[in-house]
């Protein structure tokens, strides 16, 4: 189920994005981005609709994923 990110408390959303960024372990090439820059990138993707916040009842967890990869259970 997609959770409207705009309805999530700003502090909670920041913590969710930060947790997502830290566990992704993405390689950004030669120039490493700061945590703040990574969080801002994910927030921009949520704002543009490229990414969505998803709750999985099956796994009882919340995640952020590209909109194109979301497939309702």
N, C-alpha and C. Protein backbone atom coordinates (compact mmCIF):
# COMPACT_ATOMS: atom_id res chain seq x y z
N UNK A 1 0.84 -1.15 0.00
CA UNK A 1 0.00 0.00 0.00
C UNK A 1 0.90 1.24 0.00
N UNK A 2 0.61 2.19 -0.88
CA UNK A 2 1.36 3.44 -0.93
C UNK A 2 0.86 4.36 0.19
N UNK A 3 1.80 4.90 0.94
CA UNK A 3 1.51 5.85 2.01
C UNK A 3 1.84 7.24 1.48
N UNK A 4 0.89 8.18 1.50
CA UNK A 4 1.20 9.54 1.03
C UNK A 4 2.29 10.16 1.93
N UNK A 5 3.44 10.42 1.36
CA UNK A 5 4.56 10.92 2.15
C UNK A 5 4.25 12.28 2.76
N UNK A 6 3.37 13.04 2.12
CA UNK A 6 3.02 14.38 2.62
C UNK A 6 2.28 14.31 3.95
N UNK A 7 1.68 13.15 4.25
CA UNK A 7 0.92 12.99 5.49
C UNK A 7 1.78 12.45 6.64
N UNK A 8 3.05 12.18 6.37
CA UNK A 8 3.96 11.68 7.40
C UNK A 8 4.59 12.88 8.10
N UNK A 9 4.64 12.83 9.43
CA UNK A 9 5.27 13.89 10.20
C UNK A 9 6.67 14.15 9.63
N UNK A 10 7.05 15.42 9.45
CA UNK A 10 8.35 15.74 8.84
C UNK A 10 9.55 15.08 9.51
N UNK A 11 9.56 15.02 10.84
CA UNK A 11 10.68 14.37 11.54
C UNK A 11 10.70 12.87 11.26
N UNK A 12 9.52 12.27 11.25
CA UNK A 12 9.42 10.84 10.97
C UNK A 12 9.84 10.55 9.54
N UNK A 13 9.43 11.41 8.61
CA UNK A 13 9.81 11.24 7.21
C UNK A 13 11.32 11.34 7.05
N UNK A 14 11.92 12.33 7.70
CA UNK A 14 13.38 12.49 7.62
C UNK A 14 14.06 11.22 8.13
N UNK A 15 13.60 10.71 9.28
CA UNK A 15 14.20 9.50 9.85
C UNK A 15 14.01 8.30 8.94
N UNK A 16 12.87 8.20 8.31
CA UNK A 16 12.60 7.11 7.37
C UNK A 16 13.54 7.19 6.16
N UNK A 17 13.68 8.39 5.61
CA UNK A 17 14.58 8.58 4.46
C UNK A 17 16.02 8.31 4.86
N UNK A 18 16.43 8.82 6.01
CA UNK A 18 17.80 8.61 6.48
C UNK A 18 18.09 7.11 6.65
N UNK A 19 17.16 6.39 7.25
CA UNK A 19 17.32 4.96 7.44
C UNK A 19 17.43 4.24 6.10
N UNK A 20 16.60 4.64 5.15
CA UNK A 20 16.62 4.07 3.80
C UNK A 20 17.97 4.31 3.14
N UNK A 21 18.45 5.54 3.20
CA UNK A 21 19.72 5.90 2.57
C UNK A 21 20.88 5.11 3.20
N UNK A 22 20.88 5.00 4.51
CA UNK A 22 21.97 4.31 5.20
C UNK A 22 21.99 2.81 4.90
N UNK A 23 20.85 2.19 4.70
CA UNK A 23 20.85 0.75 4.44
C UNK A 23 21.03 0.42 2.96
N UNK A 24 20.83 1.39 2.09
CA UNK A 24 20.98 1.14 0.66
C UNK A 24 22.43 0.92 0.25
N UNK A 25 23.36 1.65 0.86
CA UNK A 25 24.78 1.47 0.55
C UNK A 25 25.11 1.71 -0.91
N UNK A 26 24.46 2.69 -1.51
CA UNK A 26 24.66 2.99 -2.92
C UNK A 26 26.03 3.59 -3.18
N UNK A 27 26.66 3.19 -4.26
CA UNK A 27 27.94 3.75 -4.68
C UNK A 27 27.67 4.96 -5.56
N UNK A 28 28.21 6.10 -5.16
CA UNK A 28 28.00 7.33 -5.91
C UNK A 28 29.21 7.71 -6.77
N UNK A 29 30.09 6.76 -7.03
CA UNK A 29 31.24 7.02 -7.88
C UNK A 29 32.39 7.65 -7.12
N UNK A 30 33.18 8.41 -7.84
CA UNK A 30 34.38 9.00 -7.25
C UNK A 30 34.07 10.04 -6.19
N UNK A 31 32.99 10.80 -6.39
CA UNK A 31 32.67 11.86 -5.44
C UNK A 31 31.51 11.39 -4.56
N UNK A 32 31.82 11.07 -3.32
CA UNK A 32 30.81 10.59 -2.37
C UNK A 32 29.90 11.75 -1.96
N UNK A 33 28.60 11.49 -1.88
CA UNK A 33 27.65 12.51 -1.44
C UNK A 33 27.51 12.44 0.07
N UNK A 34 27.20 13.58 0.66
CA UNK A 34 26.96 13.63 2.10
C UNK A 34 25.60 12.99 2.40
N UNK A 35 25.40 12.62 3.64
CA UNK A 35 24.12 12.07 4.05
C UNK A 35 23.01 13.05 3.75
N UNK A 36 23.23 14.32 4.05
CA UNK A 36 22.21 15.34 3.79
C UNK A 36 21.86 15.41 2.30
N UNK A 37 22.85 15.31 1.44
CA UNK A 37 22.60 15.36 -0.01
C UNK A 37 21.81 14.14 -0.46
N UNK A 38 22.12 12.98 0.11
CA UNK A 38 21.39 11.75 -0.23
C UNK A 38 19.94 11.84 0.22
N UNK A 39 19.73 12.35 1.44
CA UNK A 39 18.37 12.53 1.95
C UNK A 39 17.61 13.51 1.06
N UNK A 40 18.24 14.60 0.67
CA UNK A 40 17.60 15.59 -0.20
C UNK A 40 17.23 14.97 -1.55
N UNK A 41 18.09 14.10 -2.09
CA UNK A 41 17.80 13.44 -3.37
C UNK A 41 16.55 12.57 -3.26
N UNK A 42 16.44 11.80 -2.17
CA UNK A 42 15.27 10.93 -1.98
C UNK A 42 14.02 11.79 -1.79
N UNK A 43 14.12 12.87 -1.02
CA UNK A 43 12.97 13.76 -0.81
C UNK A 43 12.52 14.35 -2.15
N UNK A 44 13.47 14.72 -3.00
CA UNK A 44 13.13 15.25 -4.33
C UNK A 44 12.40 14.19 -5.14
N UNK A 45 12.87 12.94 -5.06
CA UNK A 45 12.22 11.85 -5.80
C UNK A 45 10.81 11.58 -5.29
N UNK A 46 10.60 11.69 -3.99
CA UNK A 46 9.25 11.55 -3.44
C UNK A 46 8.36 12.70 -3.93
N UNK A 47 8.91 13.90 -3.89
CA UNK A 47 8.16 15.08 -4.30
C UNK A 47 7.76 15.03 -5.78
N UNK A 48 8.62 14.49 -6.62
CA UNK A 48 8.34 14.43 -8.06
C UNK A 48 7.49 13.21 -8.44
N UNK A 49 7.34 12.27 -7.49
CA UNK A 49 6.56 11.07 -7.78
C UNK A 49 7.39 9.93 -8.33
N UNK A 50 8.70 10.12 -8.45
CA UNK A 50 9.58 9.05 -8.94
C UNK A 50 9.67 7.91 -7.92
N UNK A 51 9.56 8.25 -6.63
CA UNK A 51 9.65 7.27 -5.56
C UNK A 51 8.39 7.35 -4.70
N UNK A 52 8.09 6.25 -4.02
CA UNK A 52 6.91 6.20 -3.15
C UNK A 52 7.28 5.55 -1.82
N UNK A 53 6.50 5.89 -0.79
CA UNK A 53 6.63 5.25 0.51
C UNK A 53 5.60 4.12 0.52
N UNK A 54 6.06 2.93 0.86
CA UNK A 54 5.21 1.74 0.76
C UNK A 54 5.17 1.00 2.09
N UNK A 55 3.96 0.60 2.51
CA UNK A 55 3.77 -0.25 3.68
C UNK A 55 3.44 -1.64 3.19
N UNK A 56 4.13 -2.64 3.70
CA UNK A 56 3.86 -4.03 3.35
C UNK A 56 3.20 -4.70 4.55
N UNK A 57 1.93 -5.07 4.39
CA UNK A 57 1.25 -5.80 5.46
C UNK A 57 1.86 -7.18 5.64
N UNK A 58 2.26 -7.80 4.54
CA UNK A 58 2.84 -9.14 4.59
C UNK A 58 4.11 -9.15 5.45
N UNK A 59 4.98 -8.18 5.21
CA UNK A 59 6.26 -8.13 5.92
C UNK A 59 6.23 -7.18 7.13
N UNK A 60 5.13 -6.46 7.27
CA UNK A 60 4.97 -5.48 8.34
C UNK A 60 6.15 -4.52 8.43
N UNK A 61 6.44 -3.92 7.27
CA UNK A 61 7.51 -2.92 7.25
C UNK A 61 7.17 -1.81 6.27
N UNK A 62 7.91 -0.72 6.39
CA UNK A 62 7.74 0.43 5.51
C UNK A 62 9.03 0.60 4.73
N UNK A 63 8.89 1.02 3.48
CA UNK A 63 10.06 1.14 2.63
C UNK A 63 9.83 2.27 1.63
N UNK A 64 10.91 2.68 0.98
CA UNK A 64 10.85 3.65 -0.11
C UNK A 64 11.33 2.92 -1.34
N UNK A 65 10.62 3.09 -2.44
CA UNK A 65 11.02 2.41 -3.67
C UNK A 65 10.63 3.23 -4.89
N UNK A 66 11.30 2.98 -6.03
CA UNK A 66 10.89 3.64 -7.26
C UNK A 66 9.45 3.27 -7.59
N UNK A 67 8.67 4.24 -8.04
CA UNK A 67 7.26 4.01 -8.34
C UNK A 67 7.09 2.83 -9.30
N UNK A 68 7.96 2.70 -10.28
CA UNK A 68 7.86 1.63 -11.28
C UNK A 68 8.08 0.23 -10.71
N UNK A 69 8.70 0.13 -9.55
CA UNK A 69 8.94 -1.18 -8.93
C UNK A 69 7.84 -1.58 -7.95
N UNK A 70 6.91 -0.67 -7.68
CA UNK A 70 5.83 -1.00 -6.74
C UNK A 70 4.78 -1.84 -7.42
N UNK A 71 4.54 -3.00 -6.83
CA UNK A 71 3.51 -3.91 -7.31
C UNK A 71 2.66 -4.29 -6.10
N UNK A 72 1.39 -3.86 -6.06
CA UNK A 72 0.55 -4.17 -4.89
C UNK A 72 0.52 -5.67 -4.63
N UNK A 73 0.51 -6.02 -3.36
CA UNK A 73 0.51 -7.42 -2.96
C UNK A 73 -0.83 -8.07 -3.27
